C-alpha atoms as a PDB file:
ATOM      1  CA  UNK A   1      93.896  93.712 119.240  1.00  0.00           C
ATOM      2  CA  UNK A   2      96.798  95.263 117.369  1.00  0.00           C
ATOM      3  CA  UNK A   3      98.938  95.708 120.500  1.00  0.00           C
ATOM      4  CA  UNK A   4      99.752  92.002 120.691  1.00  0.00           C
ATOM      5  CA  UNK A   5     101.107  92.119 117.131  1.00  0.00           C
ATOM      6  CA  UNK A   6     103.111  95.235 117.910  1.00  0.00           C
ATOM      7  CA  UNK A   7     104.643  93.611 120.985  1.00  0.00           C
ATOM      8  CA  UNK A   8     105.685  90.547 118.986  1.00  0.00           C
ATOM      9  CA  UNK A   9     107.101  92.681 116.185  1.00  0.00           C
ATOM     10  CA  UNK A  10     109.091  94.744 118.689  1.00  0.00           C
ATOM     11  CA  UNK A  11     110.610  91.569 120.136  1.00  0.00           C
ATOM     12  CA  UNK A  12     111.463  90.405 116.627  1.00  0.00           C
ATOM     13  CA  UNK A  13     113.220  93.700 115.878  1.00  0.00           C
ATOM     14  CA  UNK A  14     115.203  93.519 119.106  1.00  0.00           C
ATOM     15  CA  UNK A  15     116.180  89.842 119.017  1.00  0.00           C
ATOM     16  CA  UNK A  16     116.430  88.982 115.336  1.00  0.00           C
ATOM     17  CA  UNK A  17     117.252  92.093 113.366  1.00  0.00           C
ATOM     18  CA  UNK A  18     119.761  93.891 115.581  1.00  0.00           C
ATOM     19  CA  UNK A  19     118.605  97.296 114.305  1.00  0.00           C
ATOM     20  CA  UNK A  20     119.579 100.645 115.730  1.00  0.00           C
ATOM     21  CA  UNK A  21     117.262 102.232 118.285  1.00  0.00           C
ATOM     22  CA  UNK A  22     116.198 104.917 115.789  1.00  0.00           C
ATOM     23  CA  UNK A  23     115.314 102.332 113.154  1.00  0.00           C
ATOM     24  CA  UNK A  24     113.328 100.236 115.640  1.00  0.00           C
ATOM     25  CA  UNK A  25     111.411 103.325 116.742  1.00  0.00           C
ATOM     26  CA  UNK A  26     110.673 104.226 113.108  1.00  0.00           C
ATOM     27  CA  UNK A  27     109.292 100.739 112.419  1.00  0.00           C
ATOM     28  CA  UNK A  28     107.129 100.868 115.534  1.00  0.00           C
ATOM     29  CA  UNK A  29     105.898 104.365 114.681  1.00  0.00           C
ATOM     30  CA  UNK A  30     104.920 103.136 111.209  1.00  0.00           C
ATOM     31  CA  UNK A  31     103.010 100.223 112.738  1.00  0.00           C
ATOM     32  CA  UNK A  32     101.186 102.547 115.121  1.00  0.00           C
ATOM     33  CA  UNK A  33     100.211 104.751 112.193  1.00  0.00           C
ATOM     34  CA  UNK A  34      98.872 101.747 110.332  1.00  0.00           C
ATOM     35  CA  UNK A  35      96.936 100.496 113.348  1.00  0.00           C
ATOM     36  CA  UNK A  36      95.405 103.920 113.925  1.00  0.00           C
ATOM     37  CA  UNK A  37      94.404 104.122 110.270  1.00  0.00           C
ATOM     38  CA  UNK A  38      92.789 100.690 110.430  1.00  0.00           C
ATOM     39  CA  UNK A  39      90.939 101.435 113.668  1.00  0.00           C
ATOM     40  CA  UNK A  40      89.470 104.613 112.168  1.00  0.00           C
ATOM     41  CA  UNK A  41      88.709 103.381 108.656  1.00  0.00           C
ATOM     42  CA  UNK A  42      88.141  99.655 109.181  1.00  0.00           C
ATOM     43  CA  UNK A  43      87.272  99.215 112.881  1.00  0.00           C
ATOM     44  CA  UNK A  44      86.167  95.587 112.544  1.00  0.00           C
ATOM     45  CA  UNK A  45      88.874  94.296 110.230  1.00  0.00           C
ATOM     46  CA  UNK A  46      90.961  91.339 111.332  1.00  0.00           C
ATOM     47  CA  UNK A  47      94.499  90.479 110.331  1.00  0.00           C
ATOM     48  CA  UNK A  48      93.162  87.699 108.118  1.00  0.00           C
ATOM     49  CA  UNK A  49      90.905  90.150 106.262  1.00  0.00           C
ATOM     50  CA  UNK A  50      93.637  92.716 105.635  1.00  0.00           C
ATOM     51  CA  UNK A  51      94.292  93.084 101.902  1.00  0.00           C
ATOM     52  CA  UNK A  52      96.697  94.907  99.635  1.00  0.00           C
ATOM     53  CA  UNK A  53      94.017  97.519  98.935  1.00  0.00           C
ATOM     54  CA  UNK A  54      93.840  98.459 102.635  1.00  0.00           C
ATOM     55  CA  UNK A  55      97.602  98.927 102.775  1.00  0.00           C
ATOM     56  CA  UNK A  56      97.609 100.973  99.571  1.00  0.00           C
ATOM     57  CA  UNK A  57      94.934 103.270 101.015  1.00  0.00           C
ATOM     58  CA  UNK A  58      97.042 103.620 104.156  1.00  0.00           C
ATOM     59  CA  UNK A  59     100.145 104.673 102.215  1.00  0.00           C
ATOM     60  CA  UNK A  60      98.079 107.030 100.073  1.00  0.00           C
ATOM     61  CA  UNK A  61      96.618 108.594 103.210  1.00  0.00           C
ATOM     62  CA  UNK A  62     100.113 109.321 104.524  1.00  0.00           C
ATOM     63  CA  UNK A  63     101.055 111.046 101.300  1.00  0.00           C
ATOM     64  CA  UNK A  64      97.948 113.220 101.408  1.00  0.00           C
ATOM     65  CA  UNK A  65      98.186 114.290 105.067  1.00  0.00           C
ATOM     66  CA  UNK A  66      99.366 117.818 104.446  1.00  0.00           C
ATOM     67  CA  UNK A  67      97.681 119.357 101.427  1.00  0.00           C
ATOM     68  CA  UNK A  68      99.209 122.776 102.105  1.00  0.00           C
ATOM     69  CA  UNK A  69     102.711 121.637 101.221  1.00  0.00           C
ATOM     70  CA  UNK A  70     104.007 121.510  97.684  1.00  0.00           C
ATOM     71  CA  UNK A  71     103.859 118.212  95.819  1.00  0.00           C
ATOM     72  CA  UNK A  72     107.500 117.204  96.347  1.00  0.00           C
ATOM     73  CA  UNK A  73     107.518 117.766 100.101  1.00  0.00           C
ATOM     74  CA  UNK A  74     104.227 115.898 100.450  1.00  0.00           C
ATOM     75  CA  UNK A  75     105.490 112.645  98.967  1.00  0.00           C
ATOM     76  CA  UNK A  76     107.057 110.052 101.208  1.00  0.00           C
ATOM     77  CA  UNK A  77     110.712 109.428 100.576  1.00  0.00           C
ATOM     78  CA  UNK A  78     111.425 106.140  98.829  1.00  0.00           C
ATOM     79  CA  UNK A  79     113.322 104.920 101.895  1.00  0.00           C
ATOM     80  CA  UNK A  80     110.303 105.676 104.086  1.00  0.00           C
ATOM     81  CA  UNK A  81     108.009 103.837 101.683  1.00  0.00           C
ATOM     82  CA  UNK A  82     110.327 100.816 101.707  1.00  0.00           C
ATOM     83  CA  UNK A  83     110.489 100.829 105.509  1.00  0.00           C
ATOM     84  CA  UNK A  84     106.694 101.088 105.728  1.00  0.00           C
ATOM     85  CA  UNK A  85     106.180  98.169 103.372  1.00  0.00           C
ATOM     86  CA  UNK A  86     108.880  96.104 105.059  1.00  0.00           C
ATOM     87  CA  UNK A  87     107.349  96.688 108.465  1.00  0.00           C
ATOM     88  CA  UNK A  88     103.878  95.826 107.249  1.00  0.00           C
ATOM     89  CA  UNK A  89     105.016  92.521 105.781  1.00  0.00           C
END
């Protein structure tokens, strides 16, 4: 289900945004992370049912991935958080 959205978003990035290849890949990687999170934690959720709370849990899950690292290295950089949120919108 999510692949059709990813394909459309990729076309948008290529045609409308004119982003660098690295930036496009980062956006797509973020989307894949989100889709994987949703498939595991909310397997029956639709795009219409997706809420802020789901996205907040996704971002929190990324920050808590590696509990062995110290607190500062565990937190997502602000630029990464902004890119994640921008891509999700």
